[in-house]
């Protein structure tokens, strides 16, 4: 199963609920078609996590990863993720901006380790607009 976004998640739609499956990969040489599935249910009320599975976010993510091509902190090229430098809360609409609506300069590429470490040390600022 080829996945150009390099995501460990696969989408399956069952009768009334949408389900994403995460696949564990212990060894890089393992064939993606024979990985062990782990089922994750995404709430239908529109949580932030479910927005990361949309086509809009996947396209924006690819765009940012292509721009940076490596972690901007440690320069690693493995397990890359896109990090929001700040969040925008739209006061008059009483909601946050959608993840893919941010300007490119507010999105940076980090490896999984640096991303996790950054979130544990610092709080991402929320700007009211």
C-alpha atoms as a PDB file:
ATOM      1  CA  UNK A   1       0.000   0.000   0.000  1.00  0.00           C
ATOM      2  CA  UNK A   2       1.783   3.179  -1.158  1.00  0.00           C
ATOM      3  CA  UNK A   3       1.223   6.290   0.910  1.00  0.00           C
ATOM      4  CA  UNK A   4       2.864   9.484  -0.407  1.00  0.00           C
ATOM      5  CA  UNK A   5       2.307  11.299   2.898  1.00  0.00           C
ATOM      6  CA  UNK A   6       4.310   8.671   4.791  1.00  0.00           C
ATOM      7  CA  UNK A   7       1.482   8.484   7.333  1.00  0.00           C
ATOM      8  CA  UNK A   8       1.122   5.523   9.631  1.00  0.00           C
ATOM      9  CA  UNK A   9      -2.650   5.827   9.413  1.00  0.00           C
ATOM     10  CA  UNK A  10      -5.085   4.309   6.917  1.00  0.00           C
ATOM     11  CA  UNK A  11      -8.728   5.324   6.483  1.00  0.00           C
ATOM     12  CA  UNK A  12     -11.551   2.751   6.439  1.00  0.00           C
ATOM     13  CA  UNK A  13     -15.197   3.759   6.337  1.00  0.00           C
ATOM     14  CA  UNK A  14     -17.585   1.381   8.031  1.00  0.00           C
ATOM     15  CA  UNK A  15     -21.369   1.676   7.954  1.00  0.00           C
ATOM     16  CA  UNK A  16     -21.968   4.651  10.243  1.00  0.00           C
ATOM     17  CA  UNK A  17     -18.532   5.481  11.614  1.00  0.00           C
ATOM     18  CA  UNK A  18     -15.256   6.561  10.151  1.00  0.00           C
ATOM     19  CA  UNK A  19     -12.307   4.615  11.458  1.00  0.00           C
ATOM     20  CA  UNK A  20      -8.615   5.248  11.024  1.00  0.00           C
ATOM     21  CA  UNK A  21      -6.179   2.412  11.535  1.00  0.00           C
ATOM     22  CA  UNK A  22      -2.653   2.944  12.732  1.00  0.00           C
ATOM     23  CA  UNK A  23      -0.051   0.444  11.664  1.00  0.00           C
ATOM     24  CA  UNK A  24       2.980  -0.375  13.784  1.00  0.00           C
ATOM     25  CA  UNK A  25       6.242  -0.868  11.990  1.00  0.00           C
ATOM     26  CA  UNK A  26       9.047  -2.292  14.118  1.00  0.00           C
ATOM     27  CA  UNK A  27      11.556  -2.906  11.326  1.00  0.00           C
ATOM     28  CA  UNK A  28      12.101  -0.660   8.306  1.00  0.00           C
ATOM     29  CA  UNK A  29      12.377  -3.722   6.048  1.00  0.00           C
ATOM     30  CA  UNK A  30       8.823  -4.923   6.824  1.00  0.00           C
ATOM     31  CA  UNK A  31       6.389  -4.809   3.925  1.00  0.00           C
ATOM     32  CA  UNK A  32       3.633  -2.208   4.535  1.00  0.00           C
ATOM     33  CA  UNK A  33       0.967  -4.641   3.305  1.00  0.00           C
ATOM     34  CA  UNK A  34       1.452  -7.039   6.216  1.00  0.00           C
ATOM     35  CA  UNK A  35       1.549  -4.727   9.225  1.00  0.00           C
ATOM     36  CA  UNK A  36      -0.483  -5.265  12.375  1.00  0.00           C
ATOM     37  CA  UNK A  37      -3.478  -2.871  12.523  1.00  0.00           C
ATOM     38  CA  UNK A  38      -4.445  -0.881  15.596  1.00  0.00           C
ATOM     39  CA  UNK A  39      -7.945   0.628  15.451  1.00  0.00           C
ATOM     40  CA  UNK A  40      -8.428   4.258  16.446  1.00  0.00           C
ATOM     41  CA  UNK A  41     -11.884   5.806  16.407  1.00  0.00           C
ATOM     42  CA  UNK A  42     -12.033   9.477  15.532  1.00  0.00           C
ATOM     43  CA  UNK A  43     -14.830  11.407  17.222  1.00  0.00           C
ATOM     44  CA  UNK A  44     -17.371  12.805  14.766  1.00  0.00           C
ATOM     45  CA  UNK A  45     -17.692  16.161  16.556  1.00  0.00           C
ATOM     46  CA  UNK A  46     -14.688  17.607  14.719  1.00  0.00           C
ATOM     47  CA  UNK A  47     -11.801  17.419  17.171  1.00  0.00           C
ATOM     48  CA  UNK A  48      -8.366  18.759  16.225  1.00  0.00           C
ATOM     49  CA  UNK A  49      -7.000  15.239  15.788  1.00  0.00           C
ATOM     50  CA  UNK A  50      -9.628  14.355  13.206  1.00  0.00           C
ATOM     51  CA  UNK A  51      -8.765  17.476  11.189  1.00  0.00           C
ATOM     52  CA  UNK A  52      -5.251  16.094  10.673  1.00  0.00           C
ATOM     53  CA  UNK A  53      -6.703  13.334   8.474  1.00  0.00           C
ATOM     54  CA  UNK A  54      -8.255  15.709   5.956  1.00  0.00           C
ATOM     55  CA  UNK A  55      -6.934  16.163   2.435  1.00  0.00           C
ATOM     56  CA  UNK A  56      -6.421  19.883   3.051  1.00  0.00           C
ATOM     57  CA  UNK A  57      -4.068  19.250   5.976  1.00  0.00           C
ATOM     58  CA  UNK A  58      -2.219  16.442   4.173  1.00  0.00           C
ATOM     59  CA  UNK A  59      -1.565  18.769   1.214  1.00  0.00           C
ATOM     60  CA  UNK A  60      -0.364  21.589   3.487  1.00  0.00           C
ATOM     61  CA  UNK A  61       1.807  19.134   5.422  1.00  0.00           C
ATOM     62  CA  UNK A  62       3.483  17.870   2.246  1.00  0.00           C
ATOM     63  CA  UNK A  63       4.079  21.464   1.154  1.00  0.00           C
ATOM     64  CA  UNK A  64       5.831  22.349   4.454  1.00  0.00           C
ATOM     65  CA  UNK A  65       7.855  19.113   4.532  1.00  0.00           C
ATOM     66  CA  UNK A  66       9.002  19.737   0.936  1.00  0.00           C
ATOM     67  CA  UNK A  67      10.011  23.282   1.854  1.00  0.00           C
ATOM     68  CA  UNK A  68      12.095  22.374   4.935  1.00  0.00           C
ATOM     69  CA  UNK A  69      13.139  18.761   4.137  1.00  0.00           C
ATOM     70  CA  UNK A  70      14.637  18.256   7.612  1.00  0.00           C
ATOM     71  CA  UNK A  71      14.072  19.015  11.286  1.00  0.00           C
ATOM     72  CA  UNK A  72      14.915  22.686  11.821  1.00  0.00           C
ATOM     73  CA  UNK A  73      16.411  21.949  15.264  1.00  0.00           C
ATOM     74  CA  UNK A  74      18.526  18.781  14.944  1.00  0.00           C
ATOM     75  CA  UNK A  75      18.573  18.469  11.115  1.00  0.00           C
ATOM     76  CA  UNK A  76      17.274  14.875  11.222  1.00  0.00           C
ATOM     77  CA  UNK A  77      15.393  13.609   8.159  1.00  0.00           C
ATOM     78  CA  UNK A  78      13.471  10.821   9.934  1.00  0.00           C
ATOM     79  CA  UNK A  79      10.001  10.905  11.550  1.00  0.00           C
ATOM     80  CA  UNK A  80       9.283  14.454  10.390  1.00  0.00           C
ATOM     81  CA  UNK A  81       6.195  16.311  11.599  1.00  0.00           C
ATOM     82  CA  UNK A  82       4.757  19.773  11.019  1.00  0.00           C
ATOM     83  CA  UNK A  83       4.536  22.061  14.052  1.00  0.00           C
ATOM     84  CA  UNK A  84       2.333  25.149  14.468  1.00  0.00           C
ATOM     85  CA  UNK A  85       4.410  27.967  15.988  1.00  0.00           C
ATOM     86  CA  UNK A  86       1.202  29.582  17.292  1.00  0.00           C
ATOM     87  CA  UNK A  87      -2.537  29.004  17.255  1.00  0.00           C
ATOM     88  CA  UNK A  88      -5.091  31.608  16.178  1.00  0.00           C
ATOM     89  CA  UNK A  89      -8.446  31.934  17.902  1.00  0.00           C
ATOM     90  CA  UNK A  90     -11.034  33.841  15.865  1.00  0.00           C
ATOM     91  CA  UNK A  91     -12.974  35.738  18.527  1.00  0.00           C
ATOM     92  CA  UNK A  92     -15.994  36.812  16.458  1.00  0.00           C
ATOM     93  CA  UNK A  93     -16.553  33.203  15.254  1.00  0.00           C
ATOM     94  CA  UNK A  94     -15.628  31.691  18.638  1.00  0.00           C
ATOM     95  CA  UNK A  95     -13.395  29.020  17.080  1.00  0.00           C
ATOM     96  CA  UNK A  96      -9.803  28.219  16.212  1.00  0.00           C
ATOM     97  CA  UNK A  97      -8.417  28.568  12.715  1.00  0.00           C
ATOM     98  CA  UNK A  98      -8.277  25.258  10.834  1.00  0.00           C
ATOM     99  CA  UNK A  99      -4.770  23.696  10.821  1.00  0.00           C
ATOM    100  CA  UNK A 100      -4.220  24.234   7.074  1.00  0.00           C
ATOM    101  CA  UNK A 101      -5.333  27.885   7.098  1.00  0.00           C
ATOM    102  CA  UNK A 102      -2.134  29.157   8.731  1.00  0.00           C
ATOM    103  CA  UNK A 103       0.499  31.090   6.792  1.00  0.00           C
ATOM    104  CA  UNK A 104       3.572  29.073   5.859  1.00  0.00           C
ATOM    105  CA  UNK A 105       5.876  31.039   8.151  1.00  0.00           C
ATOM    106  CA  UNK A 106       3.834  29.804  11.154  1.00  0.00           C
ATOM    107  CA  UNK A 107       4.447  26.134  10.259  1.00  0.00           C
ATOM    108  CA  UNK A 108       7.820  24.448  10.692  1.00  0.00           C
ATOM    109  CA  UNK A 109       9.207  20.938  10.279  1.00  0.00           C
ATOM    110  CA  UNK A 110      10.424  19.096  13.382  1.00  0.00           C
ATOM    111  CA  UNK A 111      11.362  15.477  13.985  1.00  0.00           C
ATOM    112  CA  UNK A 112       9.112  13.564  16.373  1.00  0.00           C
ATOM    113  CA  UNK A 113      11.639  13.824  19.218  1.00  0.00           C
ATOM    114  CA  UNK A 114      12.177  17.603  18.944  1.00  0.00           C
ATOM    115  CA  UNK A 115       8.416  18.145  18.498  1.00  0.00           C
ATOM    116  CA  UNK A 116       7.596  16.193  21.664  1.00  0.00           C
ATOM    117  CA  UNK A 117      10.403  17.866  23.621  1.00  0.00           C
ATOM    118  CA  UNK A 118       9.273  21.329  22.500  1.00  0.00           C
ATOM    119  CA  UNK A 119       5.664  20.752  23.559  1.00  0.00           C
ATOM    120  CA  UNK A 120       6.782  19.479  26.971  1.00  0.00           C
ATOM    121  CA  UNK A 121       9.019  22.547  27.565  1.00  0.00           C
ATOM    122  CA  UNK A 122       6.956  25.341  26.010  1.00  0.00           C
ATOM    123  CA  UNK A 123       3.313  26.226  25.588  1.00  0.00           C
ATOM    124  CA  UNK A 124       2.312  27.118  22.021  1.00  0.00           C
ATOM    125  CA  UNK A 125       0.934  30.677  22.207  1.00  0.00           C
ATOM    126  CA  UNK A 126      -2.686  31.303  21.257  1.00  0.00           C
ATOM    127  CA  UNK A 127      -3.337  34.615  19.542  1.00  0.00           C
ATOM    128  CA  UNK A 128      -6.835  36.158  19.543  1.00  0.00           C
ATOM    129  CA  UNK A 129      -7.656  37.619  16.141  1.00  0.00           C
END
